[in-house]
N, C-alpha and C. Protein backbone atom coordinates (compact mmCIF):
# COMPACT_ATOMS: atom_id res chain seq x y z
N UNK A 1 1.21 2.18 10.54
CA UNK A 1 0.48 1.63 9.42
C UNK A 1 1.33 1.67 8.15
N UNK A 2 2.07 2.76 7.95
CA UNK A 2 2.93 2.87 6.77
C UNK A 2 3.96 1.75 6.78
N UNK A 3 4.61 1.56 7.92
CA UNK A 3 5.62 0.51 8.03
C UNK A 3 5.00 -0.86 7.80
N UNK A 4 3.83 -1.08 8.35
CA UNK A 4 3.15 -2.36 8.16
C UNK A 4 2.88 -2.64 6.69
N UNK A 5 2.42 -1.62 5.97
CA UNK A 5 2.11 -1.80 4.55
C UNK A 5 3.39 -2.07 3.75
N UNK A 6 4.45 -1.32 4.03
CA UNK A 6 5.71 -1.56 3.34
C UNK A 6 6.25 -2.96 3.65
N UNK A 7 6.09 -3.39 4.89
CA UNK A 7 6.53 -4.74 5.26
C UNK A 7 5.72 -5.80 4.51
N UNK A 8 4.42 -5.60 4.40
CA UNK A 8 3.58 -6.54 3.65
C UNK A 8 4.03 -6.64 2.19
N UNK A 9 4.49 -5.53 1.65
CA UNK A 9 4.95 -5.51 0.26
C UNK A 9 6.41 -5.93 0.11
N UNK A 10 7.07 -6.14 1.24
CA UNK A 10 8.49 -6.50 1.27
C UNK A 10 9.35 -5.44 0.57
N UNK A 11 8.99 -4.18 0.82
CA UNK A 11 9.75 -3.05 0.29
C UNK A 11 10.79 -2.66 1.33
N UNK A 12 12.05 -2.60 0.92
CA UNK A 12 13.10 -2.19 1.87
C UNK A 12 12.91 -0.72 2.27
N UNK A 13 12.96 -0.48 3.58
CA UNK A 13 12.75 0.88 4.08
C UNK A 13 13.43 1.06 5.42
N UNK A 14 13.54 2.31 5.80
CA UNK A 14 14.07 2.65 7.11
C UNK A 14 13.00 3.47 7.82
N UNK A 15 12.31 2.84 8.75
CA UNK A 15 11.22 3.50 9.48
C UNK A 15 10.20 4.15 8.56
N UNK A 16 9.85 3.46 7.47
CA UNK A 16 8.82 3.94 6.57
C UNK A 16 9.33 4.76 5.38
N UNK A 17 10.62 5.07 5.37
CA UNK A 17 11.22 5.79 4.24
C UNK A 17 11.79 4.74 3.29
N UNK A 18 11.21 4.68 2.08
CA UNK A 18 11.61 3.66 1.10
C UNK A 18 13.04 3.93 0.63
N UNK A 19 13.83 2.85 0.56
CA UNK A 19 15.20 2.98 0.08
C UNK A 19 15.20 3.48 -1.37
N UNK A 20 16.07 4.42 -1.64
CA UNK A 20 16.13 5.04 -2.97
C UNK A 20 16.37 4.03 -4.09
N UNK A 21 17.07 2.97 -3.80
CA UNK A 21 17.42 2.00 -4.84
C UNK A 21 16.25 1.10 -5.23
N UNK A 22 15.16 1.14 -4.46
CA UNK A 22 14.03 0.27 -4.76
C UNK A 22 13.20 0.85 -5.90
N UNK A 23 12.87 0.01 -6.88
CA UNK A 23 12.09 0.43 -8.03
C UNK A 23 10.61 0.11 -7.78
N UNK A 24 9.83 1.13 -7.47
CA UNK A 24 8.41 0.93 -7.19
C UNK A 24 7.67 0.34 -8.38
N UNK A 25 8.14 0.62 -9.58
CA UNK A 25 7.49 0.09 -10.78
C UNK A 25 7.60 -1.42 -10.87
N UNK A 26 8.49 -2.02 -10.07
CA UNK A 26 8.65 -3.47 -10.10
C UNK A 26 7.59 -4.21 -9.28
N UNK A 27 6.75 -3.47 -8.57
CA UNK A 27 5.72 -4.10 -7.73
C UNK A 27 4.60 -4.68 -8.60
N UNK A 28 4.33 -5.97 -8.45
CA UNK A 28 3.21 -6.55 -9.20
C UNK A 28 1.87 -6.04 -8.67
N UNK A 29 0.96 -5.78 -9.57
CA UNK A 29 -0.38 -5.27 -9.23
C UNK A 29 -1.04 -6.13 -8.16
N UNK A 30 -0.98 -7.43 -8.32
CA UNK A 30 -1.64 -8.34 -7.38
C UNK A 30 -1.06 -8.22 -5.99
N UNK A 31 0.26 -8.04 -5.89
CA UNK A 31 0.90 -7.93 -4.57
C UNK A 31 0.46 -6.64 -3.89
N UNK A 32 0.38 -5.56 -4.64
CA UNK A 32 -0.05 -4.27 -4.07
C UNK A 32 -1.49 -4.38 -3.57
N UNK A 33 -2.35 -5.00 -4.35
CA UNK A 33 -3.75 -5.14 -3.96
C UNK A 33 -3.92 -6.11 -2.78
N UNK A 34 -3.22 -7.22 -2.81
CA UNK A 34 -3.31 -8.19 -1.69
C UNK A 34 -2.85 -7.56 -0.39
N UNK A 35 -1.77 -6.79 -0.45
CA UNK A 35 -1.28 -6.13 0.76
C UNK A 35 -2.29 -5.10 1.25
N UNK A 36 -2.95 -4.41 0.34
CA UNK A 36 -3.98 -3.44 0.73
C UNK A 36 -5.14 -4.15 1.44
N UNK A 37 -5.57 -5.27 0.89
CA UNK A 37 -6.67 -6.03 1.53
C UNK A 37 -6.26 -6.53 2.91
N UNK A 38 -5.03 -6.99 3.03
CA UNK A 38 -4.54 -7.46 4.33
C UNK A 38 -4.49 -6.32 5.33
N UNK A 39 -4.03 -5.16 4.90
CA UNK A 39 -3.97 -4.01 5.79
C UNK A 39 -5.38 -3.61 6.25
N UNK A 40 -6.32 -3.60 5.33
CA UNK A 40 -7.71 -3.26 5.68
C UNK A 40 -8.29 -4.23 6.71
N UNK A 41 -7.91 -5.49 6.63
CA UNK A 41 -8.46 -6.51 7.52
C UNK A 41 -7.74 -6.57 8.87
N UNK A 42 -6.54 -6.01 8.96
CA UNK A 42 -5.75 -6.23 10.16
C UNK A 42 -5.55 -5.01 11.05
N UNK A 43 -6.14 -3.89 10.70
CA UNK A 43 -5.91 -2.68 11.49
C UNK A 43 -7.20 -1.84 11.51
N UNK A 44 -7.11 -0.66 12.06
CA UNK A 44 -8.25 0.27 12.07
C UNK A 44 -8.68 0.51 10.63
N UNK A 45 -9.82 0.00 10.26
CA UNK A 45 -10.27 0.03 8.87
C UNK A 45 -10.41 1.46 8.33
N UNK A 46 -10.94 2.36 9.12
CA UNK A 46 -11.11 3.74 8.67
C UNK A 46 -9.76 4.39 8.38
N UNK A 47 -8.82 4.22 9.28
CA UNK A 47 -7.48 4.78 9.08
C UNK A 47 -6.79 4.12 7.88
N UNK A 48 -6.96 2.82 7.73
CA UNK A 48 -6.35 2.11 6.61
C UNK A 48 -6.93 2.60 5.28
N UNK A 49 -8.24 2.78 5.23
CA UNK A 49 -8.87 3.29 4.00
C UNK A 49 -8.35 4.68 3.66
N UNK A 50 -8.24 5.54 4.64
CA UNK A 50 -7.74 6.89 4.42
C UNK A 50 -6.31 6.85 3.87
N UNK A 51 -5.46 6.04 4.49
CA UNK A 51 -4.07 5.91 4.04
C UNK A 51 -4.00 5.36 2.62
N UNK A 52 -4.76 4.32 2.35
CA UNK A 52 -4.73 3.70 1.02
C UNK A 52 -5.30 4.64 -0.05
N UNK A 53 -6.32 5.41 0.30
CA UNK A 53 -6.86 6.39 -0.66
C UNK A 53 -5.82 7.48 -0.95
N UNK A 54 -5.06 7.85 0.05
CA UNK A 54 -3.97 8.81 -0.14
C UNK A 54 -2.96 8.25 -1.14
N UNK A 55 -2.62 6.98 -0.99
CA UNK A 55 -1.67 6.36 -1.93
C UNK A 55 -2.23 6.35 -3.35
N UNK A 56 -3.51 6.07 -3.49
CA UNK A 56 -4.14 6.04 -4.81
C UNK A 56 -3.95 7.40 -5.50
N UNK A 57 -4.14 8.47 -4.75
CA UNK A 57 -4.00 9.82 -5.31
C UNK A 57 -2.56 10.07 -5.78
N UNK A 58 -1.60 9.40 -5.16
CA UNK A 58 -0.20 9.58 -5.54
C UNK A 58 0.09 8.97 -6.92
N UNK A 59 -0.77 8.06 -7.36
CA UNK A 59 -0.62 7.48 -8.69
C UNK A 59 0.47 6.42 -8.76
N UNK A 60 0.99 6.24 -9.96
CA UNK A 60 2.04 5.24 -10.17
C UNK A 60 1.57 3.85 -9.78
N UNK A 61 2.43 3.10 -9.10
CA UNK A 61 2.06 1.73 -8.74
C UNK A 61 0.93 1.65 -7.72
N UNK A 62 0.67 2.77 -7.06
CA UNK A 62 -0.37 2.79 -6.01
C UNK A 62 -1.78 2.89 -6.59
N UNK A 63 -1.91 3.31 -7.81
CA UNK A 63 -3.24 3.52 -8.38
C UNK A 63 -4.08 2.23 -8.41
N UNK A 64 -3.43 1.07 -8.46
CA UNK A 64 -4.17 -0.20 -8.51
C UNK A 64 -4.84 -0.54 -7.19
N UNK A 65 -4.48 0.18 -6.13
CA UNK A 65 -5.10 -0.05 -4.82
C UNK A 65 -6.60 0.23 -4.89
N UNK A 66 -6.97 1.19 -5.73
CA UNK A 66 -8.38 1.59 -5.82
C UNK A 66 -9.30 0.39 -6.06
N UNK A 67 -8.84 -0.57 -6.84
CA UNK A 67 -9.64 -1.76 -7.13
C UNK A 67 -9.84 -2.64 -5.90
N UNK A 68 -8.97 -2.50 -4.90
CA UNK A 68 -9.05 -3.32 -3.70
C UNK A 68 -9.84 -2.64 -2.58
N UNK A 69 -10.14 -1.36 -2.76
CA UNK A 69 -10.90 -0.64 -1.74
C UNK A 69 -12.38 -0.99 -1.78
N UNK A 70 -13.01 -1.02 -0.63
CA UNK A 70 -14.44 -1.31 -0.61
C UNK A 70 -15.22 -0.18 -1.28
N UNK A 71 -16.31 -0.56 -1.91
CA UNK A 71 -17.17 0.45 -2.53
C UNK A 71 -18.10 0.99 -1.46
N UNK A 72 -18.44 2.24 -1.58
CA UNK A 72 -19.25 2.87 -0.54
C UNK A 72 -20.72 2.73 -0.81
């Protein structure tokens, strides 16, 4: 799931480890949210929600994911 999400965002990585040279701050909000919605629709929804909520807690560019998560 991690690799799938990074691939959706077109983030360069090696087996899920983001390349050090990549600037996460360069990710547009819309791209992060669209990739989150795609991940939620294309895989185990419960696992995807858990993973995406974990990213939200990490802050930074991931905090915008919260707006794309379903409300309970």
